[in-house]
Amino acid sequence: YRRGFHPAFQPLMPYAVGLVELDAGPRLQAHIATPDAATAPHAGDRVEIRFQRLLDGEPAVPVAVRLG
């Protein structure tokens, strides 16, 4: 996303959301920080899921970080 649909998300711009398939089989949506960076995960990459609080006072969300 390059346009925030809520003012609270402006500090996170740009950001992406991806569908991650876990080794155990289930899939989940995860936040992808700095999607334009060379280190950002792309389709088919193996990732690690970390739980991070992106907004003050809100629960932690899954964040996909590319491995290797």
PDB file of N, CA and C in Angstrom:
ATOM      1  N   TYR A   1       0.835  -1.168   0.000  1.00  0.00           N
ATOM      2  CA  TYR A   1       0.000   0.000   0.000  1.00  0.00           C
ATOM      3  C   TYR A   1       0.882   1.233   0.000  1.00  0.00           C
ATOM      4  N   ARG A   2       0.488   2.222  -0.750  1.00  0.00           N
ATOM      5  CA  ARG A   2       1.223   3.482  -0.791  1.00  0.00           C
ATOM      6  C   ARG A   2       0.352   4.639  -0.322  1.00  0.00           C
ATOM      7  N   ARG A   3      -0.883   4.310  -0.014  1.00  0.00           N
ATOM      8  CA  ARG A   3      -1.821   5.320   0.481  1.00  0.00           C
ATOM      9  C   ARG A   3      -2.442   4.774   1.756  1.00  0.00           C
ATOM     10  N   GLY A   4      -2.331   5.545   2.829  1.00  0.00           N
ATOM     11  CA  GLY A   4      -2.907   5.112   4.093  1.00  0.00           C
ATOM     12  C   GLY A   4      -4.402   5.357   4.129  1.00  0.00           C
ATOM     13  N   PHE A   5      -5.146   4.349   4.503  1.00  0.00           N
ATOM     14  CA  PHE A   5      -6.593   4.494   4.583  1.00  0.00           C
ATOM     15  C   PHE A   5      -7.031   4.920   5.977  1.00  0.00           C
ATOM     16  N   HIS A   6      -6.060   5.045   6.874  1.00  0.00           N
ATOM     17  CA  HIS A   6      -6.317   5.544   8.222  1.00  0.00           C
ATOM     18  C   HIS A   6      -5.054   6.293   8.643  1.00  0.00           C
ATOM     19  N   PRO A   7      -5.176   7.459   9.286  1.00  0.00           N
ATOM     20  CA  PRO A   7      -3.992   8.240   9.650  1.00  0.00           C
ATOM     21  C   PRO A   7      -2.969   7.469  10.490  1.00  0.00           C
ATOM     22  N   ALA A   8      -3.407   6.496  11.264  1.00  0.00           N
ATOM     23  CA  ALA A   8      -2.483   5.736  12.104  1.00  0.00           C
ATOM     24  C   ALA A   8      -1.477   4.940  11.278  1.00  0.00           C
ATOM     25  N   PHE A   9      -1.803   4.629  10.027  1.00  0.00           N
ATOM     26  CA  PHE A   9      -0.917   3.830   9.192  1.00  0.00           C
ATOM     27  C   PHE A   9       0.098   4.657   8.413  1.00  0.00           C
ATOM     28  N   GLN A  10       0.014   5.977   8.448  1.00  0.00           N
ATOM     29  CA  GLN A  10       0.930   6.824   7.687  1.00  0.00           C
ATOM     30  C   GLN A  10       2.409   6.533   7.985  1.00  0.00           C
ATOM     31  N   PRO A  11       2.811   6.316   9.247  1.00  0.00           N
ATOM     32  CA  PRO A  11       4.236   6.040   9.502  1.00  0.00           C
ATOM     33  C   PRO A  11       4.717   4.714   8.911  1.00  0.00           C
ATOM     34  N   LEU A  12       3.816   3.846   8.534  1.00  0.00           N
ATOM     35  CA  LEU A  12       4.192   2.537   7.995  1.00  0.00           C
ATOM     36  C   LEU A  12       4.326   2.526   6.474  1.00  0.00           C
ATOM     37  N   MET A  13       4.020   3.628   5.804  1.00  0.00           N
ATOM     38  CA  MET A  13       4.018   3.677   4.351  1.00  0.00           C
ATOM     39  C   MET A  13       5.424   3.560   3.795  1.00  0.00           C
ATOM     40  N   PRO A  14       5.663   2.918   2.660  1.00  0.00           N
ATOM     41  CA  PRO A  14       4.743   1.950   2.088  1.00  0.00           C
ATOM     42  C   PRO A  14       4.838   0.635   2.866  1.00  0.00           C
ATOM     43  N   TYR A  15       3.774  -0.137   2.802  1.00  0.00           N
ATOM     44  CA  TYR A  15       3.794  -1.449   3.431  1.00  0.00           C
ATOM     45  C   TYR A  15       3.029  -2.421   2.548  1.00  0.00           C
ATOM     46  N   ALA A  16       3.232  -3.692   2.814  1.00  0.00           N
ATOM     47  CA  ALA A  16       2.554  -4.723   2.025  1.00  0.00           C
ATOM     48  C   ALA A  16       2.030  -5.794   2.965  1.00  0.00           C
ATOM     49  N   VAL A  17       1.098  -6.550   2.469  1.00  0.00           N
ATOM     50  CA  VAL A  17       0.544  -7.695   3.184  1.00  0.00           C
ATOM     51  C   VAL A  17       0.679  -8.887   2.259  1.00  0.00           C
ATOM     52  N   GLY A  18       1.191  -9.993   2.801  1.00  0.00           N
ATOM     53  CA  GLY A  18       1.370 -11.176   1.979  1.00  0.00           C
ATOM     54  C   GLY A  18       0.731 -12.399   2.601  1.00  0.00           C
ATOM     55  N   LEU A  19       0.427 -13.360   1.782  1.00  0.00           N
ATOM     56  CA  LEU A  19      -0.111 -14.633   2.245  1.00  0.00           C
ATOM     57  C   LEU A  19       1.072 -15.590   2.378  1.00  0.00           C
ATOM     58  N   VAL A  20       1.282 -16.100   3.588  1.00  0.00           N
ATOM     59  CA  VAL A  20       2.428 -16.953   3.882  1.00  0.00           C
ATOM     60  C   VAL A  20       1.932 -18.361   4.170  1.00  0.00           C
ATOM     61  N   GLU A  21       2.498 -19.339   3.466  1.00  0.00           N
ATOM     62  CA  GLU A  21       2.161 -20.739   3.726  1.00  0.00           C
ATOM     63  C   GLU A  21       3.183 -21.297   4.703  1.00  0.00           C
ATOM     64  N   LEU A  22       2.707 -21.734   5.853  1.00  0.00           N
ATOM     65  CA  LEU A  22       3.584 -22.291   6.877  1.00  0.00           C
ATOM     66  C   LEU A  22       3.993 -23.715   6.517  1.00  0.00           C
ATOM     67  N   ASP A  23       5.142 -24.167   7.033  1.00  0.00           N
ATOM     68  CA  ASP A  23       5.602 -25.523   6.768  1.00  0.00           C
ATOM     69  C   ASP A  23       4.567 -26.552   7.218  1.00  0.00           C
ATOM     70  N   ALA A  24       3.814 -26.255   8.266  1.00  0.00           N
ATOM     71  CA  ALA A  24       2.810 -27.180   8.796  1.00  0.00           C
ATOM     72  C   ALA A  24       1.544 -27.215   7.932  1.00  0.00           C
ATOM     73  N   GLY A  25       1.437 -26.324   6.933  1.00  0.00           N
ATOM     74  CA  GLY A  25       0.308 -26.364   6.024  1.00  0.00           C
ATOM     75  C   GLY A  25      -0.602 -25.152   6.022  1.00  0.00           C
ATOM     76  N   PRO A  26      -0.980 -24.617   7.200  1.00  0.00           N
ATOM     77  CA  PRO A  26      -1.894 -23.464   7.179  1.00  0.00           C
ATOM     78  C   PRO A  26      -1.246 -22.235   6.539  1.00  0.00           C
ATOM     79  N   ARG A  27      -2.082 -21.309   6.117  1.00  0.00           N
ATOM     80  CA  ARG A  27      -1.625 -20.032   5.558  1.00  0.00           C
ATOM     81  C   ARG A  27      -2.098 -18.904   6.456  1.00  0.00           C
ATOM     82  N   LEU A  28      -1.321 -17.838   6.484  1.00  0.00           N
ATOM     83  CA  LEU A  28      -1.736 -16.664   7.247  1.00  0.00           C
ATOM     84  C   LEU A  28      -1.288 -15.413   6.527  1.00  0.00           C
ATOM     85  N   GLN A  29      -1.982 -14.321   6.808  1.00  0.00           N
ATOM     86  CA  GLN A  29      -1.583 -13.031   6.257  1.00  0.00           C
ATOM     87  C   GLN A  29      -0.537 -12.435   7.176  1.00  0.00           C
ATOM     88  N   ALA A  30       0.481 -11.825   6.574  1.00  0.00           N
ATOM     89  CA  ALA A  30       1.548 -11.216   7.360  1.00  0.00           C
ATOM     90  C   ALA A  30       1.905  -9.857   6.772  1.00  0.00           C
ATOM     91  N   HIS A  31       2.312  -8.967   7.645  1.00  0.00           N
ATOM     92  CA  HIS A  31       2.794  -7.639   7.258  1.00  0.00           C
ATOM     93  C   HIS A  31       4.171  -7.801   6.629  1.00  0.00           C
ATOM     94  N   ILE A  32       4.441  -7.049   5.575  1.00  0.00           N
ATOM     95  CA  ILE A  32       5.759  -7.025   4.953  1.00  0.00           C
ATOM     96  C   ILE A  32       6.244  -5.591   5.004  1.00  0.00           C
ATOM     97  N   ALA A  33       7.190  -5.349   5.893  1.00  0.00           N
ATOM     98  CA  ALA A  33       7.729  -3.999   6.064  1.00  0.00           C
ATOM     99  C   ALA A  33       8.661  -3.669   4.896  1.00  0.00           C
ATOM    100  N   THR A  34       8.756  -2.430   4.557  1.00  0.00           N
ATOM    101  CA  THR A  34       9.624  -1.914   3.488  1.00  0.00           C
ATOM    102  C   THR A  34       9.627  -2.822   2.250  1.00  0.00           C
ATOM    103  N   PRO A  35       8.487  -2.941   1.591  1.00  0.00           N
ATOM    104  CA  PRO A  35       8.383  -3.861   0.454  1.00  0.00           C
ATOM    105  C   PRO A  35       9.275  -3.499  -0.729  1.00  0.00           C
ATOM    106  N   ASP A  36       9.758  -2.260  -0.793  1.00  0.00           N
ATOM    107  CA  ASP A  36      10.617  -1.854  -1.906  1.00  0.00           C
ATOM    108  C   ASP A  36      12.092  -2.161  -1.656  1.00  0.00           C
ATOM    109  N   ALA A  37      12.435  -2.578  -0.441  1.00  0.00           N
ATOM    110  CA  ALA A  37      13.833  -2.853  -0.099  1.00  0.00           C
ATOM    111  C   ALA A  37      14.321  -4.132  -0.777  1.00  0.00           C
ATOM    112  N   ALA A  38      15.603  -4.199  -1.041  1.00  0.00           N
ATOM    113  CA  ALA A  38      16.185  -5.396  -1.663  1.00  0.00           C
ATOM    114  C   ALA A  38      16.024  -6.625  -0.772  1.00  0.00           C
ATOM    115  N   THR A  39      15.906  -6.417   0.522  1.00  0.00           N
ATOM    116  CA  THR A  39      15.787  -7.530   1.469  1.00  0.00           C
ATOM    117  C   THR A  39      14.353  -7.979   1.704  1.00  0.00           C
ATOM    118  N   ALA A  40      13.396  -7.331   1.081  1.00  0.00           N
ATOM    119  CA  ALA A  40      11.989  -7.690   1.277  1.00  0.00           C
ATOM    120  C   ALA A  40      11.705  -9.058   0.662  1.00  0.00           C
ATOM    121  N   PRO A  41      10.845  -9.836   1.307  1.00  0.00           N
ATOM    122  CA  PRO A  41      10.506 -11.137   0.728  1.00  0.00           C
ATOM    123  C   PRO A  41       9.665 -10.994  -0.540  1.00  0.00           C
ATOM    124  N   HIS A  42       9.845 -11.934  -1.437  1.00  0.00           N
ATOM    125  CA  HIS A  42       9.079 -11.995  -2.686  1.00  0.00           C
ATOM    126  C   HIS A  42       8.410 -13.356  -2.773  1.00  0.00           C
ATOM    127  N   ALA A  43       7.507 -13.514  -3.705  1.00  0.00           N
ATOM    128  CA  ALA A  43       6.797 -14.784  -3.883  1.00  0.00           C
ATOM    129  C   ALA A  43       7.792 -15.928  -4.009  1.00  0.00           C
ATOM    130  N   GLY A  44       7.577 -16.968  -3.225  1.00  0.00           N
ATOM    131  CA  GLY A  44       8.424 -18.149  -3.258  1.00  0.00           C
ATOM    132  C   GLY A  44       9.569 -18.143  -2.265  1.00  0.00           C
ATOM    133  N   ASP A  45       9.882 -16.988  -1.667  1.00  0.00           N
ATOM    134  CA  ASP A  45      10.959 -16.917  -0.673  1.00  0.00           C
ATOM    135  C   ASP A  45      10.543 -17.598   0.624  1.00  0.00           C
ATOM    136  N   ARG A  46      11.510 -18.186   1.308  1.00  0.00           N
ATOM    137  CA  ARG A  46      11.256 -18.693   2.659  1.00  0.00           C
ATOM    138  C   ARG A  46      11.363 -17.514   3.609  1.00  0.00           C
ATOM    139  N   VAL A  47      10.462 -17.464   4.553  1.00  0.00           N
ATOM    140  CA  VAL A  47      10.426 -16.357   5.507  1.00  0.00           C
ATOM    141  C   VAL A  47      10.338 -16.885   6.930  1.00  0.00           C
ATOM    142  N   GLU A  48      10.658 -16.010   7.843  1.00  0.00           N
ATOM    143  CA  GLU A  48      10.448 -16.255   9.268  1.00  0.00           C
ATOM    144  C   GLU A  48       9.323 -15.331   9.700  1.00  0.00           C
ATOM    145  N   ILE A  49       8.436 -15.840  10.529  1.00  0.00           N
ATOM    146  CA  ILE A  49       7.347 -15.009  11.043  1.00  0.00           C
ATOM    147  C   ILE A  49       7.739 -14.512  12.423  1.00  0.00           C
ATOM    148  N   ARG A  50       7.696 -13.211  12.585  1.00  0.00           N
ATOM    149  CA  ARG A  50       7.944 -12.566  13.888  1.00  0.00           C
ATOM    150  C   ARG A  50       6.689 -11.789  14.242  1.00  0.00           C
ATOM    151  N   PHE A  51       6.387 -11.727  15.503  1.00  0.00           N
ATOM    152  CA  PHE A  51       5.226 -10.945  15.939  1.00  0.00           C
ATOM    153  C   PHE A  51       5.726  -9.624  16.482  1.00  0.00           C
ATOM    154  N   GLN A  52       5.249  -8.529  15.890  1.00  0.00           N
ATOM    155  CA  GLN A  52       5.677  -7.181  16.266  1.00  0.00           C
ATOM    156  C   GLN A  52       4.465  -6.287  16.452  1.00  0.00           C
ATOM    157  N   ARG A  53       4.589  -5.380  17.386  1.00  0.00           N
ATOM    158  CA  ARG A  53       3.564  -4.356  17.595  1.00  0.00           C
ATOM    159  C   ARG A  53       3.894  -3.205  16.645  1.00  0.00           C
ATOM    160  N   LEU A  54       3.029  -2.969  15.677  1.00  0.00           N
ATOM    161  CA  LEU A  54       3.287  -1.923  14.684  1.00  0.00           C
ATOM    162  C   LEU A  54       2.742  -0.569  15.108  1.00  0.00           C
ATOM    163  N   LEU A  55       1.677  -0.578  15.894  1.00  0.00           N
ATOM    164  CA  LEU A  55       1.051   0.661  16.353  1.00  0.00           C
ATOM    165  C   LEU A  55       0.947   0.627  17.869  1.00  0.00           C
ATOM    166  N   ASP A  56       1.241   1.739  18.510  1.00  0.00           N
ATOM    167  CA  ASP A  56       1.141   1.830  19.965  1.00  0.00           C
ATOM    168  C   ASP A  56      -0.250   1.446  20.442  1.00  0.00           C
ATOM    169  N   GLY A  57      -0.293   0.631  21.467  1.00  0.00           N
ATOM    170  CA  GLY A  57      -1.560   0.259  22.063  1.00  0.00           C
ATOM    171  C   GLY A  57      -2.324  -0.827  21.321  1.00  0.00           C
ATOM    172  N   GLU A  58      -1.759  -1.330  20.231  1.00  0.00           N
ATOM    173  CA  GLU A  58      -2.419  -2.374  19.444  1.00  0.00           C
ATOM    174  C   GLU A  58      -1.684  -3.697  19.639  1.00  0.00           C
ATOM    175  N   PRO A  59      -2.352  -4.803  19.366  1.00  0.00           N
ATOM    176  CA  PRO A  59      -1.687  -6.105  19.529  1.00  0.00           C
ATOM    177  C   PRO A  59      -0.595  -6.314  18.480  1.00  0.00           C
ATOM    178  N   ALA A  60       0.320  -7.216  18.789  1.00  0.00           N
ATOM    179  CA  ALA A  60       1.368  -7.586  17.849  1.00  0.00           C
ATOM    180  C   ALA A  60       0.743  -8.354  16.675  1.00  0.00           C
ATOM    181  N   VAL A  61       1.318  -8.171  15.496  1.00  0.00           N
ATOM    182  CA  VAL A  61       0.830  -8.833  14.286  1.00  0.00           C
ATOM    183  C   VAL A  61       1.971  -9.643  13.671  1.00  0.00           C
ATOM    184  N   PRO A  62       1.653 -10.653  12.855  1.00  0.00           N
ATOM    185  CA  PRO A  62       2.719 -11.406  12.196  1.00  0.00           C
ATOM    186  C   PRO A  62       3.406 -10.553  11.126  1.00  0.00           C
ATOM    187  N   VAL A  63       4.731 -10.611  11.120  1.00  0.00           N
ATOM    188  CA  VAL A  63       5.544  -9.878  10.161  1.00  0.00           C
ATOM    189  C   VAL A  63       6.453 -10.895   9.468  1.00  0.00           C
ATOM    190  N   ALA A  64       6.451 -10.912   8.142  1.00  0.00           N
ATOM    191  CA  ALA A  64       7.288 -11.837   7.379  1.00  0.00           C
ATOM    192  C   ALA A  64       8.641 -11.204   7.104  1.00  0.00           C
ATOM    193  N   VAL A  65       9.700 -11.939   7.450  1.00  0.00           N
ATOM    194  CA  VAL A  65      11.079 -11.493   7.226  1.00  0.00           C
ATOM    195  C   VAL A  65      11.785 -12.562   6.403  1.00  0.00           C
ATOM    196  N   ARG A  66      12.353 -12.177   5.273  1.00  0.00           N
ATOM    197  CA  ARG A  66      13.013 -13.143   4.373  1.00  0.00           C
ATOM    198  C   ARG A  66      14.220 -13.773   5.058  1.00  0.00           C
ATOM    199  N   LEU A  67      14.386 -15.069   4.879  1.00  0.00           N
ATOM    200  CA  LEU A  67      15.542 -15.792   5.414  1.00  0.00           C
ATOM    201  C   LEU A  67      16.677 -15.742   4.417  1.00  0.00           C
ATOM    202  N   GLY A  68      17.891 -15.699   4.950  1.00  0.00           N
ATOM    203  CA  GLY A  68      19.088 -15.785   4.124  1.00  0.00           C
ATOM    204  C   GLY A  68      19.326 -14.594   3.351  1.00  0.00           C
TER     205      GLY A  68
END
